[in-house]
Amino acid sequence: MFTGLIETTGRITDVKYEGQNAILVIASSISAALRPDESVSHDGVCLTVTEAGDGYHVVVAVQETLKKTNLGQRKPGDLINLERALSLQDRLGGHFVQGHVDTVGVCTEKKEKAGSWEYSFSYPPGFSEYVIEKGSICVNGISLTCFDVQPGQFRVAIIPHTYTHTNMGLIEPGHAVNLEFDMLGKYVVSLAKQYFATARA
């Protein structure tokens, strides 16, 4: 479980393929503190550390992960957002994030707004029921609040700290991002569907 508050960024130094799996080697300031079997969010994707050394760590993304996220497009030199799993002693500053990406969205617009930035994203409209005005959404592992919500699209505002301390500043129109919709909202929608299905039966 994560909060969507990015701890640091890492740089992908190598990408290898074994069968249908991608093996990513990442250099970061937290890599040396990681241990094998630890869960870490990589651009919002929960991955298990398989190896960790002085300044680097290794994770494996299986085919299902590559199909549903943007990790299959990542290459050496790319910057990636990192967050270690939530500790029970931590303050929950963002929202509950599982690290289970729902779909890939696409940046459609980026505007500078006198010290902040606004981004517009599109996504498959079949997920529209999970996106609400002023609701939480996770973009590349970052906990954000969406507004100007329309079917299949939403906007977010980015403060300077987030812009410079995550890979958000590198996102431009046409770039793909990982989206995880609010876990609580997904449960509410699922329960409502089950209730109405039973009521109609």
N, C-alpha and C. Protein backbone atom coordinates (compact mmCIF):
# COMPACT_ATOMS: atom_id res chain seq x y z
N MET A 1 0.85 -1.19 0.00
CA MET A 1 0.00 0.00 0.00
C MET A 1 0.89 1.24 0.00
N PHE A 2 0.45 2.26 -0.76
CA PHE A 2 1.22 3.49 -0.90
C PHE A 2 0.31 4.70 -0.67
N THR A 3 0.90 5.89 -0.68
CA THR A 3 0.13 7.11 -0.45
C THR A 3 0.05 8.00 -1.69
N GLY A 4 0.91 7.75 -2.68
CA GLY A 4 0.95 8.62 -3.84
C GLY A 4 1.81 9.85 -3.62
N LEU A 5 2.58 9.89 -2.53
CA LEU A 5 3.53 10.97 -2.29
C LEU A 5 4.91 10.46 -2.69
N ILE A 6 5.43 10.95 -3.78
CA ILE A 6 6.67 10.43 -4.34
C ILE A 6 7.85 10.72 -3.41
N GLU A 7 8.63 9.68 -3.13
CA GLU A 7 9.76 9.81 -2.22
C GLU A 7 10.99 10.36 -2.93
N THR A 8 11.23 9.88 -4.13
CA THR A 8 12.36 10.32 -4.92
C THR A 8 12.17 9.83 -6.35
N THR A 9 13.07 10.21 -7.22
CA THR A 9 13.05 9.67 -8.58
C THR A 9 14.29 8.81 -8.79
N GLY A 10 14.19 7.88 -9.71
CA GLY A 10 15.32 7.04 -10.06
C GLY A 10 15.55 7.12 -11.55
N ARG A 11 16.73 6.72 -11.97
CA ARG A 11 17.08 6.72 -13.39
C ARG A 11 17.23 5.27 -13.86
N ILE A 12 16.50 4.90 -14.90
CA ILE A 12 16.64 3.56 -15.46
C ILE A 12 17.99 3.47 -16.15
N THR A 13 18.82 2.53 -15.73
CA THR A 13 20.15 2.39 -16.32
C THR A 13 20.23 1.24 -17.30
N ASP A 14 19.29 0.29 -17.21
CA ASP A 14 19.32 -0.83 -18.14
C ASP A 14 17.95 -1.49 -18.19
N VAL A 15 17.58 -1.98 -19.34
CA VAL A 15 16.36 -2.75 -19.51
C VAL A 15 16.71 -4.01 -20.31
N LYS A 16 16.43 -5.17 -19.72
CA LYS A 16 16.69 -6.45 -20.39
C LYS A 16 15.39 -7.22 -20.48
N TYR A 17 15.33 -8.15 -21.39
CA TYR A 17 14.15 -8.99 -21.54
C TYR A 17 14.54 -10.46 -21.41
N GLU A 18 13.79 -11.16 -20.58
CA GLU A 18 13.92 -12.61 -20.44
C GLU A 18 12.55 -13.20 -20.71
N GLY A 19 12.40 -13.84 -21.85
CA GLY A 19 11.09 -14.30 -22.25
C GLY A 19 10.19 -13.10 -22.46
N GLN A 20 9.04 -13.06 -21.79
CA GLN A 20 8.11 -11.94 -21.91
C GLN A 20 8.24 -10.95 -20.77
N ASN A 21 9.22 -11.12 -19.91
CA ASN A 21 9.41 -10.24 -18.77
C ASN A 21 10.47 -9.19 -19.05
N ALA A 22 10.26 -8.00 -18.53
CA ALA A 22 11.25 -6.92 -18.62
C ALA A 22 11.95 -6.79 -17.28
N ILE A 23 13.26 -6.75 -17.31
CA ILE A 23 14.07 -6.58 -16.10
C ILE A 23 14.64 -5.17 -16.13
N LEU A 24 14.27 -4.36 -15.15
CA LEU A 24 14.69 -2.97 -15.10
C LEU A 24 15.72 -2.77 -13.99
N VAL A 25 16.82 -2.14 -14.34
CA VAL A 25 17.84 -1.76 -13.36
C VAL A 25 17.71 -0.26 -13.14
N ILE A 26 17.60 0.14 -11.87
CA ILE A 26 17.29 1.54 -11.54
C ILE A 26 18.29 2.06 -10.52
N ALA A 27 18.83 3.22 -10.78
CA ALA A 27 19.73 3.89 -9.84
C ALA A 27 18.97 5.00 -9.14
N SER A 28 19.04 5.01 -7.80
CA SER A 28 18.34 6.05 -7.04
C SER A 28 18.97 6.24 -5.67
N SER A 29 18.53 7.27 -4.99
CA SER A 29 19.07 7.57 -3.66
C SER A 29 18.55 6.61 -2.60
N ILE A 30 17.47 5.86 -2.88
CA ILE A 30 16.94 4.92 -1.89
C ILE A 30 17.31 3.47 -2.20
N SER A 31 17.94 3.23 -3.34
CA SER A 31 18.20 1.86 -3.76
C SER A 31 19.03 1.08 -2.75
N ALA A 32 20.05 1.72 -2.18
CA ALA A 32 20.93 1.03 -1.24
C ALA A 32 20.20 0.58 0.02
N ALA A 33 19.09 1.25 0.35
CA ALA A 33 18.33 0.90 1.55
C ALA A 33 17.30 -0.18 1.29
N LEU A 34 17.09 -0.55 0.04
CA LEU A 34 16.09 -1.56 -0.30
C LEU A 34 16.64 -2.97 -0.09
N ARG A 35 15.73 -3.92 0.00
CA ARG A 35 16.12 -5.32 0.15
C ARG A 35 15.25 -6.17 -0.78
N PRO A 36 15.76 -7.33 -1.18
CA PRO A 36 14.95 -8.22 -2.01
C PRO A 36 13.61 -8.55 -1.36
N ASP A 37 12.57 -8.66 -2.17
CA ASP A 37 11.19 -8.94 -1.77
C ASP A 37 10.44 -7.72 -1.26
N GLU A 38 11.10 -6.55 -1.23
CA GLU A 38 10.41 -5.34 -0.80
C GLU A 38 9.58 -4.78 -1.96
N SER A 39 8.40 -4.27 -1.64
CA SER A 39 7.53 -3.68 -2.65
C SER A 39 7.80 -2.19 -2.77
N VAL A 40 7.97 -1.74 -4.00
CA VAL A 40 8.25 -0.32 -4.27
C VAL A 40 7.39 0.11 -5.45
N SER A 41 6.80 1.30 -5.36
CA SER A 41 6.02 1.84 -6.46
C SER A 41 6.95 2.50 -7.47
N HIS A 42 6.83 2.06 -8.73
CA HIS A 42 7.62 2.61 -9.84
C HIS A 42 6.65 3.25 -10.83
N ASP A 43 6.59 4.58 -10.83
CA ASP A 43 5.59 5.28 -11.66
C ASP A 43 4.19 4.75 -11.39
N GLY A 44 3.92 4.41 -10.12
CA GLY A 44 2.60 3.94 -9.72
C GLY A 44 2.39 2.45 -9.84
N VAL A 45 3.42 1.72 -10.28
CA VAL A 45 3.31 0.27 -10.44
C VAL A 45 4.03 -0.40 -9.28
N CYS A 46 3.33 -1.21 -8.51
CA CYS A 46 3.94 -1.94 -7.40
C CYS A 46 4.78 -3.09 -7.96
N LEU A 47 6.09 -3.02 -7.75
CA LEU A 47 7.00 -4.06 -8.22
C LEU A 47 7.85 -4.55 -7.06
N THR A 48 8.26 -5.80 -7.14
CA THR A 48 9.06 -6.43 -6.09
C THR A 48 10.54 -6.31 -6.43
N VAL A 49 11.31 -5.83 -5.49
CA VAL A 49 12.76 -5.73 -5.66
C VAL A 49 13.35 -7.14 -5.66
N THR A 50 14.11 -7.46 -6.68
CA THR A 50 14.74 -8.79 -6.76
C THR A 50 16.22 -8.74 -6.39
N GLU A 51 16.79 -7.54 -6.48
CA GLU A 51 18.22 -7.37 -6.15
C GLU A 51 18.44 -5.91 -5.81
N ALA A 52 19.31 -5.66 -4.84
CA ALA A 52 19.63 -4.28 -4.48
C ALA A 52 21.11 -4.20 -4.13
N GLY A 53 21.76 -3.15 -4.59
CA GLY A 53 23.17 -2.95 -4.32
C GLY A 53 23.45 -1.52 -3.97
N ASP A 54 24.68 -1.12 -4.10
CA ASP A 54 25.10 0.24 -3.74
C ASP A 54 24.63 1.21 -4.82
N GLY A 55 23.48 1.82 -4.59
CA GLY A 55 22.98 2.82 -5.51
C GLY A 55 22.11 2.31 -6.63
N TYR A 56 21.79 1.03 -6.63
CA TYR A 56 20.92 0.51 -7.70
C TYR A 56 20.02 -0.59 -7.14
N HIS A 57 18.91 -0.86 -7.84
CA HIS A 57 18.08 -2.01 -7.53
C HIS A 57 17.47 -2.54 -8.81
N VAL A 58 16.97 -3.76 -8.74
CA VAL A 58 16.45 -4.45 -9.91
C VAL A 58 15.02 -4.90 -9.63
N VAL A 59 14.15 -4.71 -10.62
CA VAL A 59 12.76 -5.19 -10.53
C VAL A 59 12.40 -5.88 -11.84
N VAL A 60 11.36 -6.72 -11.77
CA VAL A 60 10.90 -7.45 -12.95
C VAL A 60 9.44 -7.10 -13.21
N ALA A 61 9.13 -6.76 -14.45
CA ALA A 61 7.75 -6.49 -14.86
C ALA A 61 7.31 -7.62 -15.79
N VAL A 62 6.26 -8.33 -15.39
CA VAL A 62 5.78 -9.46 -16.19
C VAL A 62 4.91 -8.94 -17.33
N GLN A 63 4.52 -9.84 -18.22
CA GLN A 63 3.80 -9.45 -19.43
C GLN A 63 2.51 -8.69 -19.10
N GLU A 64 1.75 -9.15 -18.11
CA GLU A 64 0.49 -8.48 -17.76
C GLU A 64 0.74 -7.04 -17.34
N THR A 65 1.81 -6.82 -16.60
CA THR A 65 2.17 -5.46 -16.18
C THR A 65 2.55 -4.61 -17.39
N LEU A 66 3.31 -5.18 -18.29
CA LEU A 66 3.74 -4.43 -19.48
C LEU A 66 2.55 -4.08 -20.37
N LYS A 67 1.53 -4.94 -20.39
CA LYS A 67 0.35 -4.68 -21.21
C LYS A 67 -0.50 -3.55 -20.65
N LYS A 68 -0.57 -3.42 -19.33
CA LYS A 68 -1.49 -2.47 -18.70
C LYS A 68 -0.84 -1.19 -18.21
N THR A 69 0.46 -1.04 -18.39
CA THR A 69 1.16 0.16 -17.92
C THR A 69 2.06 0.70 -19.04
N ASN A 70 2.77 1.77 -18.72
CA ASN A 70 3.70 2.33 -19.70
C ASN A 70 5.12 1.80 -19.54
N LEU A 71 5.31 0.81 -18.67
CA LEU A 71 6.66 0.32 -18.41
C LEU A 71 7.29 -0.33 -19.63
N GLY A 72 6.48 -0.88 -20.50
CA GLY A 72 7.02 -1.49 -21.71
C GLY A 72 7.64 -0.48 -22.65
N GLN A 73 7.35 0.80 -22.44
CA GLN A 73 7.89 1.86 -23.29
C GLN A 73 9.13 2.52 -22.69
N ARG A 74 9.47 2.13 -21.46
CA ARG A 74 10.58 2.79 -20.77
C ARG A 74 11.92 2.28 -21.29
N LYS A 75 12.92 3.17 -21.27
CA LYS A 75 14.24 2.85 -21.81
C LYS A 75 15.32 3.44 -20.91
N PRO A 76 16.56 2.97 -21.06
CA PRO A 76 17.64 3.54 -20.25
C PRO A 76 17.72 5.05 -20.38
N GLY A 77 17.91 5.70 -19.24
CA GLY A 77 17.96 7.16 -19.20
C GLY A 77 16.66 7.79 -18.72
N ASP A 78 15.55 7.03 -18.78
CA ASP A 78 14.26 7.58 -18.35
C ASP A 78 14.23 7.77 -16.84
N LEU A 79 13.54 8.83 -16.43
CA LEU A 79 13.33 9.11 -15.01
C LEU A 79 12.04 8.45 -14.56
N ILE A 80 12.06 7.85 -13.37
CA ILE A 80 10.89 7.12 -12.88
C ILE A 80 10.61 7.51 -11.44
N ASN A 81 9.32 7.69 -11.09
CA ASN A 81 8.93 8.07 -9.74
C ASN A 81 8.97 6.85 -8.82
N LEU A 82 9.52 7.04 -7.61
CA LEU A 82 9.66 5.94 -6.65
C LEU A 82 9.02 6.29 -5.32
N GLU A 83 8.35 5.30 -4.73
CA GLU A 83 7.80 5.44 -3.38
C GLU A 83 7.85 4.08 -2.70
N ARG A 84 8.47 4.05 -1.52
CA ARG A 84 8.44 2.81 -0.74
C ARG A 84 7.08 2.62 -0.09
N ALA A 85 6.78 1.38 0.28
CA ALA A 85 5.47 1.06 0.85
C ALA A 85 5.20 1.85 2.12
N LEU A 86 3.92 2.10 2.35
CA LEU A 86 3.47 2.86 3.51
C LEU A 86 3.83 2.13 4.81
N SER A 87 4.37 2.88 5.77
CA SER A 87 4.61 2.36 7.11
C SER A 87 3.44 2.73 8.00
N LEU A 88 3.11 1.89 8.95
CA LEU A 88 1.99 2.17 9.85
C LEU A 88 2.24 3.40 10.71
N GLN A 89 3.50 3.83 10.80
CA GLN A 89 3.81 5.03 11.59
C GLN A 89 3.74 6.30 10.75
N ASP A 90 3.55 6.17 9.44
CA ASP A 90 3.55 7.34 8.56
C ASP A 90 2.23 8.10 8.60
N ARG A 91 2.30 9.40 8.31
CA ARG A 91 1.10 10.18 8.08
C ARG A 91 0.60 9.89 6.67
N LEU A 92 -0.69 9.76 6.52
CA LEU A 92 -1.28 9.49 5.20
C LEU A 92 -1.58 10.82 4.53
N GLY A 93 -0.59 11.34 3.80
CA GLY A 93 -0.73 12.66 3.21
C GLY A 93 -1.45 12.66 1.87
N GLY A 94 -1.44 11.52 1.17
CA GLY A 94 -2.09 11.46 -0.13
C GLY A 94 -3.41 10.73 -0.03
N HIS A 95 -3.53 9.60 -0.73
CA HIS A 95 -4.70 8.73 -0.56
C HIS A 95 -4.22 7.29 -0.71
N PHE A 96 -5.09 6.34 -0.38
CA PHE A 96 -4.68 4.94 -0.46
C PHE A 96 -4.43 4.55 -1.91
N VAL A 97 -3.21 4.14 -2.19
CA VAL A 97 -2.80 3.73 -3.52
C VAL A 97 -2.27 2.30 -3.44
N GLN A 98 -2.79 1.42 -4.29
CA GLN A 98 -2.37 0.03 -4.24
C GLN A 98 -1.15 -0.28 -5.09
N GLY A 99 -0.91 0.55 -6.08
CA GLY A 99 0.17 0.23 -7.01
C GLY A 99 -0.29 -0.74 -8.08
N HIS A 100 -1.62 -0.87 -8.23
CA HIS A 100 -2.22 -1.73 -9.26
C HIS A 100 -2.82 -0.82 -10.33
N VAL A 101 -2.06 -0.57 -11.37
CA VAL A 101 -2.48 0.37 -12.41
C VAL A 101 -3.70 -0.15 -13.14
N ASP A 102 -4.69 0.72 -13.33
CA ASP A 102 -5.93 0.33 -14.01
C ASP A 102 -5.83 0.45 -15.53
N THR A 103 -5.17 1.51 -15.98
CA THR A 103 -5.08 1.72 -17.42
C THR A 103 -4.01 2.76 -17.70
N VAL A 104 -3.73 2.95 -18.98
CA VAL A 104 -2.79 3.98 -19.41
C VAL A 104 -3.57 5.16 -19.97
N GLY A 105 -3.21 6.36 -19.53
CA GLY A 105 -3.80 7.58 -20.06
C GLY A 105 -2.81 8.31 -20.95
N VAL A 106 -3.27 9.32 -21.64
CA VAL A 106 -2.41 10.09 -22.54
C VAL A 106 -2.57 11.58 -22.22
N CYS A 107 -1.45 12.26 -22.10
CA CYS A 107 -1.48 13.71 -21.89
C CYS A 107 -1.95 14.38 -23.17
N THR A 108 -2.97 15.21 -23.06
CA THR A 108 -3.51 15.90 -24.24
C THR A 108 -3.20 17.39 -24.23
N GLU A 109 -2.84 17.93 -23.07
CA GLU A 109 -2.54 19.36 -23.00
C GLU A 109 -1.71 19.65 -21.76
N LYS A 110 -0.81 20.62 -21.88
CA LYS A 110 0.01 21.07 -20.76
C LYS A 110 0.08 22.59 -20.81
N LYS A 111 -0.28 23.26 -19.71
CA LYS A 111 -0.28 24.71 -19.68
C LYS A 111 0.46 25.20 -18.44
N GLU A 112 1.32 26.19 -18.61
CA GLU A 112 1.94 26.84 -17.46
C GLU A 112 0.99 27.94 -16.99
N LYS A 113 0.79 27.99 -15.66
CA LYS A 113 -0.19 28.92 -15.10
C LYS A 113 0.48 29.80 -14.03
N ALA A 114 1.45 30.62 -14.45
CA ALA A 114 2.10 31.58 -13.54
C ALA A 114 2.65 30.90 -12.29
N GLY A 115 3.47 29.90 -12.47
CA GLY A 115 4.11 29.24 -11.33
C GLY A 115 3.60 27.84 -11.05
N SER A 116 2.49 27.48 -11.64
CA SER A 116 2.01 26.10 -11.53
C SER A 116 1.73 25.61 -12.95
N TRP A 117 1.31 24.37 -13.06
CA TRP A 117 1.04 23.78 -14.36
C TRP A 117 -0.27 23.01 -14.32
N GLU A 118 -0.98 23.04 -15.42
CA GLU A 118 -2.20 22.24 -15.56
C GLU A 118 -2.02 21.25 -16.71
N TYR A 119 -2.42 20.02 -16.45
CA TYR A 119 -2.34 18.96 -17.44
C TYR A 119 -3.73 18.41 -17.71
N SER A 120 -3.99 18.09 -18.95
CA SER A 120 -5.21 17.37 -19.32
C SER A 120 -4.82 15.98 -19.77
N PHE A 121 -5.61 14.99 -19.35
CA PHE A 121 -5.35 13.60 -19.71
C PHE A 121 -6.62 12.96 -20.27
N SER A 122 -6.45 12.12 -21.26
CA SER A 122 -7.54 11.30 -21.75
C SER A 122 -7.28 9.86 -21.33
N TYR A 123 -8.34 9.06 -21.27
CA TYR A 123 -8.22 7.66 -20.87
C TYR A 123 -9.43 6.92 -21.43
N PRO A 124 -9.39 5.60 -21.48
CA PRO A 124 -10.53 4.85 -22.03
C PRO A 124 -11.82 5.20 -21.28
N PRO A 125 -12.86 5.64 -21.99
CA PRO A 125 -14.09 6.10 -21.33
C PRO A 125 -14.81 5.05 -20.51
N GLY A 126 -14.46 3.79 -20.68
CA GLY A 126 -15.08 2.74 -19.87
C GLY A 126 -14.76 2.86 -18.39
N PHE A 127 -13.76 3.67 -18.06
CA PHE A 127 -13.38 3.88 -16.65
C PHE A 127 -13.98 5.15 -16.07
N SER A 128 -14.82 5.85 -16.82
CA SER A 128 -15.30 7.17 -16.41
C SER A 128 -16.05 7.16 -15.08
N GLU A 129 -16.68 6.05 -14.74
CA GLU A 129 -17.45 6.00 -13.50
C GLU A 129 -16.57 6.10 -12.26
N TYR A 130 -15.26 5.91 -12.43
CA TYR A 130 -14.34 5.97 -11.28
C TYR A 130 -13.72 7.35 -11.10
N VAL A 131 -14.00 8.27 -12.01
CA VAL A 131 -13.37 9.60 -11.94
C VAL A 131 -14.44 10.63 -11.62
N ILE A 132 -14.30 11.32 -10.50
CA ILE A 132 -15.29 12.31 -10.09
C ILE A 132 -14.62 13.66 -9.84
N GLU A 133 -15.39 14.71 -9.96
CA GLU A 133 -14.89 16.06 -9.73
C GLU A 133 -14.33 16.19 -8.32
N LYS A 134 -13.11 16.69 -8.23
CA LYS A 134 -12.38 16.87 -6.97
C LYS A 134 -12.07 15.53 -6.28
N GLY A 135 -12.10 14.46 -7.03
CA GLY A 135 -11.75 13.15 -6.49
C GLY A 135 -10.26 12.89 -6.63
N SER A 136 -9.79 11.85 -5.96
CA SER A 136 -8.37 11.48 -6.02
C SER A 136 -8.10 10.59 -7.22
N ILE A 137 -6.92 10.77 -7.79
CA ILE A 137 -6.46 9.91 -8.88
C ILE A 137 -4.94 9.82 -8.77
N CYS A 138 -4.40 8.71 -9.21
CA CYS A 138 -2.96 8.49 -9.15
C CYS A 138 -2.41 8.49 -10.57
N VAL A 139 -1.50 9.44 -10.86
CA VAL A 139 -0.89 9.58 -12.18
C VAL A 139 0.61 9.33 -12.05
N ASN A 140 1.09 8.26 -12.67
CA ASN A 140 2.50 7.88 -12.54
C ASN A 140 2.93 7.79 -11.08
N GLY A 141 2.01 7.29 -10.25
CA GLY A 141 2.31 7.11 -8.84
C GLY A 141 2.10 8.33 -7.98
N ILE A 142 1.65 9.45 -8.56
CA ILE A 142 1.48 10.70 -7.83
C ILE A 142 0.01 10.88 -7.45
N SER A 143 -0.26 11.10 -6.18
CA SER A 143 -1.62 11.36 -5.71
C SER A 143 -2.01 12.78 -6.11
N LEU A 144 -3.07 12.90 -6.95
CA LEU A 144 -3.51 14.19 -7.44
C LEU A 144 -5.02 14.32 -7.32
N THR A 145 -5.51 15.53 -7.40
CA THR A 145 -6.95 15.80 -7.39
C THR A 145 -7.38 16.21 -8.80
N CYS A 146 -8.40 15.53 -9.34
CA CYS A 146 -8.82 15.84 -10.70
C CYS A 146 -9.97 16.86 -10.69
N PHE A 147 -10.04 17.65 -11.75
CA PHE A 147 -11.12 18.61 -11.92
C PHE A 147 -11.45 18.73 -13.40
N ASP A 148 -12.47 19.51 -13.71
CA ASP A 148 -12.95 19.63 -15.08
C ASP A 148 -13.13 18.24 -15.70
N VAL A 149 -13.80 17.39 -14.93
CA VAL A 149 -13.96 15.98 -15.33
C VAL A 149 -15.03 15.86 -16.41
N GLN A 150 -14.67 15.19 -17.49
CA GLN A 150 -15.58 14.87 -18.58
C GLN A 150 -15.42 13.37 -18.87
N PRO A 151 -16.38 12.75 -19.55
CA PRO A 151 -16.21 11.33 -19.88
C PRO A 151 -14.91 11.09 -20.65
N GLY A 152 -14.04 10.30 -20.07
CA GLY A 152 -12.79 9.96 -20.74
C GLY A 152 -11.70 11.01 -20.65
N GLN A 153 -11.89 12.03 -19.80
CA GLN A 153 -10.83 13.03 -19.66
C GLN A 153 -10.96 13.78 -18.33
N PHE A 154 -9.85 14.31 -17.87
CA PHE A 154 -9.81 15.10 -16.64
C PHE A 154 -8.58 15.99 -16.68
N ARG A 155 -8.53 16.92 -15.73
CA ARG A 155 -7.38 17.82 -15.60
C ARG A 155 -6.84 17.73 -14.19
N VAL A 156 -5.56 18.04 -14.04
CA VAL A 156 -4.93 18.12 -12.72
C VAL A 156 -4.03 19.35 -12.70
N ALA A 157 -3.81 19.89 -11.50
CA ALA A 157 -2.89 21.02 -11.32
C ALA A 157 -1.65 20.51 -10.59
N ILE A 158 -0.50 21.00 -11.01
CA ILE A 158 0.78 20.56 -10.46
C ILE A 158 1.51 21.75 -9.84
N ILE A 159 1.87 21.62 -8.57
CA ILE A 159 2.62 22.67 -7.90
C ILE A 159 4.11 22.55 -8.25
N PRO A 160 4.89 23.63 -8.04
CA PRO A 160 6.31 23.59 -8.40
C PRO A 160 7.08 22.43 -7.76
N HIS A 161 6.80 22.12 -6.49
CA HIS A 161 7.54 21.03 -5.83
C HIS A 161 7.33 19.71 -6.56
N THR A 162 6.08 19.39 -6.88
CA THR A 162 5.80 18.15 -7.61
C THR A 162 6.42 18.18 -9.00
N TYR A 163 6.37 19.34 -9.64
CA TYR A 163 6.91 19.48 -10.99
C TYR A 163 8.41 19.18 -11.04
N THR A 164 9.14 19.63 -10.01
CA THR A 164 10.60 19.47 -10.02
C THR A 164 11.09 18.22 -9.31
N HIS A 165 10.26 17.61 -8.44
CA HIS A 165 10.72 16.46 -7.66
C HIS A 165 10.16 15.13 -8.17
N THR A 166 9.43 15.15 -9.26
CA THR A 166 8.93 13.92 -9.89
C THR A 166 9.23 14.01 -11.38
N ASN A 167 8.79 13.01 -12.14
CA ASN A 167 9.00 13.08 -13.59
C ASN A 167 7.87 13.83 -14.30
N MET A 168 7.00 14.50 -13.52
CA MET A 168 5.87 15.20 -14.11
C MET A 168 6.33 16.32 -15.05
N GLY A 169 7.44 16.96 -14.72
CA GLY A 169 7.93 18.03 -15.56
C GLY A 169 8.35 17.58 -16.95
N LEU A 170 8.56 16.27 -17.11
CA LEU A 170 8.97 15.73 -18.41
C LEU A 170 7.77 15.31 -19.26
N ILE A 171 6.59 15.29 -18.66
CA ILE A 171 5.39 14.85 -19.39
C ILE A 171 4.95 15.95 -20.35
N GLU A 172 4.77 15.57 -21.61
CA GLU A 172 4.32 16.48 -22.65
C GLU A 172 3.13 15.86 -23.37
N PRO A 173 2.35 16.66 -24.11
CA PRO A 173 1.23 16.08 -24.87
C PRO A 173 1.68 14.91 -25.74
N GLY A 174 0.91 13.84 -25.66
CA GLY A 174 1.22 12.62 -26.38
C GLY A 174 1.90 11.56 -25.54
N HIS A 175 2.43 11.94 -24.37
CA HIS A 175 3.09 10.98 -23.50
C HIS A 175 2.06 10.12 -22.75
N ALA A 176 2.40 8.86 -22.58
CA ALA A 176 1.54 7.92 -21.86
C ALA A 176 1.88 7.94 -20.37
N VAL A 177 0.85 7.85 -19.53
CA VAL A 177 1.03 7.81 -18.07
C VAL A 177 0.21 6.67 -17.49
N ASN A 178 0.67 6.19 -16.34
CA ASN A 178 -0.07 5.14 -15.63
C ASN A 178 -1.14 5.77 -14.75
N LEU A 179 -2.35 5.21 -14.81
CA LEU A 179 -3.46 5.72 -14.01
C LEU A 179 -3.99 4.63 -13.08
N GLU A 180 -4.13 4.99 -11.82
CA GLU A 180 -4.83 4.13 -10.87
C GLU A 180 -5.96 4.95 -10.26
N PHE A 181 -7.18 4.48 -10.42
CA PHE A 181 -8.34 5.18 -9.90
C PHE A 181 -8.50 4.89 -8.42
N ASP A 182 -9.21 5.77 -7.73
CA ASP A 182 -9.35 5.67 -6.28
C ASP A 182 -9.95 4.34 -5.86
N MET A 183 -9.23 3.65 -4.99
CA MET A 183 -9.63 2.32 -4.55
C MET A 183 -11.00 2.33 -3.88
N LEU A 184 -11.27 3.31 -3.03
CA LEU A 184 -12.56 3.37 -2.34
C LEU A 184 -13.69 3.59 -3.33
N GLY A 185 -13.44 4.44 -4.33
CA GLY A 185 -14.45 4.67 -5.36
C GLY A 185 -14.76 3.41 -6.14
N LYS A 186 -13.74 2.61 -6.43
CA LYS A 186 -13.96 1.37 -7.18
C LYS A 186 -14.81 0.39 -6.38
N TYR A 187 -14.58 0.35 -5.07
CA TYR A 187 -15.40 -0.54 -4.23
C TYR A 187 -16.85 -0.07 -4.19
N VAL A 188 -17.04 1.25 -4.08
CA VAL A 188 -18.40 1.78 -4.03
C VAL A 188 -19.14 1.46 -5.33
N VAL A 189 -18.49 1.66 -6.47
CA VAL A 189 -19.13 1.37 -7.75
C VAL A 189 -19.45 -0.12 -7.86
N SER A 190 -18.52 -0.97 -7.45
CA SER A 190 -18.75 -2.42 -7.52
C SER A 190 -19.91 -2.86 -6.66
N LEU A 191 -19.97 -2.33 -5.42
CA LEU A 191 -21.07 -2.69 -4.52
C LEU A 191 -22.41 -2.18 -5.04
N ALA A 192 -22.41 -0.97 -5.61
CA ALA A 192 -23.65 -0.43 -6.16
C ALA A 192 -24.15 -1.27 -7.32
N LYS A 193 -23.24 -1.71 -8.18
CA LYS A 193 -23.63 -2.55 -9.31
C LYS A 193 -24.22 -3.87 -8.82
N GLN A 194 -23.58 -4.46 -7.80
CA GLN A 194 -24.09 -5.72 -7.26
C GLN A 194 -25.46 -5.52 -6.64
N TYR A 195 -25.65 -4.41 -5.93
CA TYR A 195 -26.93 -4.14 -5.26
C TYR A 195 -28.05 -4.02 -6.30
N PHE A 196 -27.83 -3.21 -7.33
CA PHE A 196 -28.87 -2.98 -8.32
C PHE A 196 -29.12 -4.23 -9.17
N ALA A 197 -28.08 -5.03 -9.39
CA ALA A 197 -28.26 -6.27 -10.12
C ALA A 197 -29.15 -7.22 -9.33
N THR A 198 -28.93 -7.26 -8.00
CA THR A 198 -29.76 -8.12 -7.13
C THR A 198 -31.18 -7.59 -7.06
N ALA A 199 -31.33 -6.26 -6.98
CA ALA A 199 -32.66 -5.67 -6.86
C ALA A 199 -33.50 -5.93 -8.11
N ARG A 200 -32.86 -6.00 -9.26
CA ARG A 200 -33.59 -6.24 -10.50
C ARG A 200 -33.92 -7.73 -10.72
N ALA A 201 -33.21 -8.58 -10.00
CA ALA A 201 -33.39 -10.03 -10.21
C ALA A 201 -34.73 -10.50 -9.64
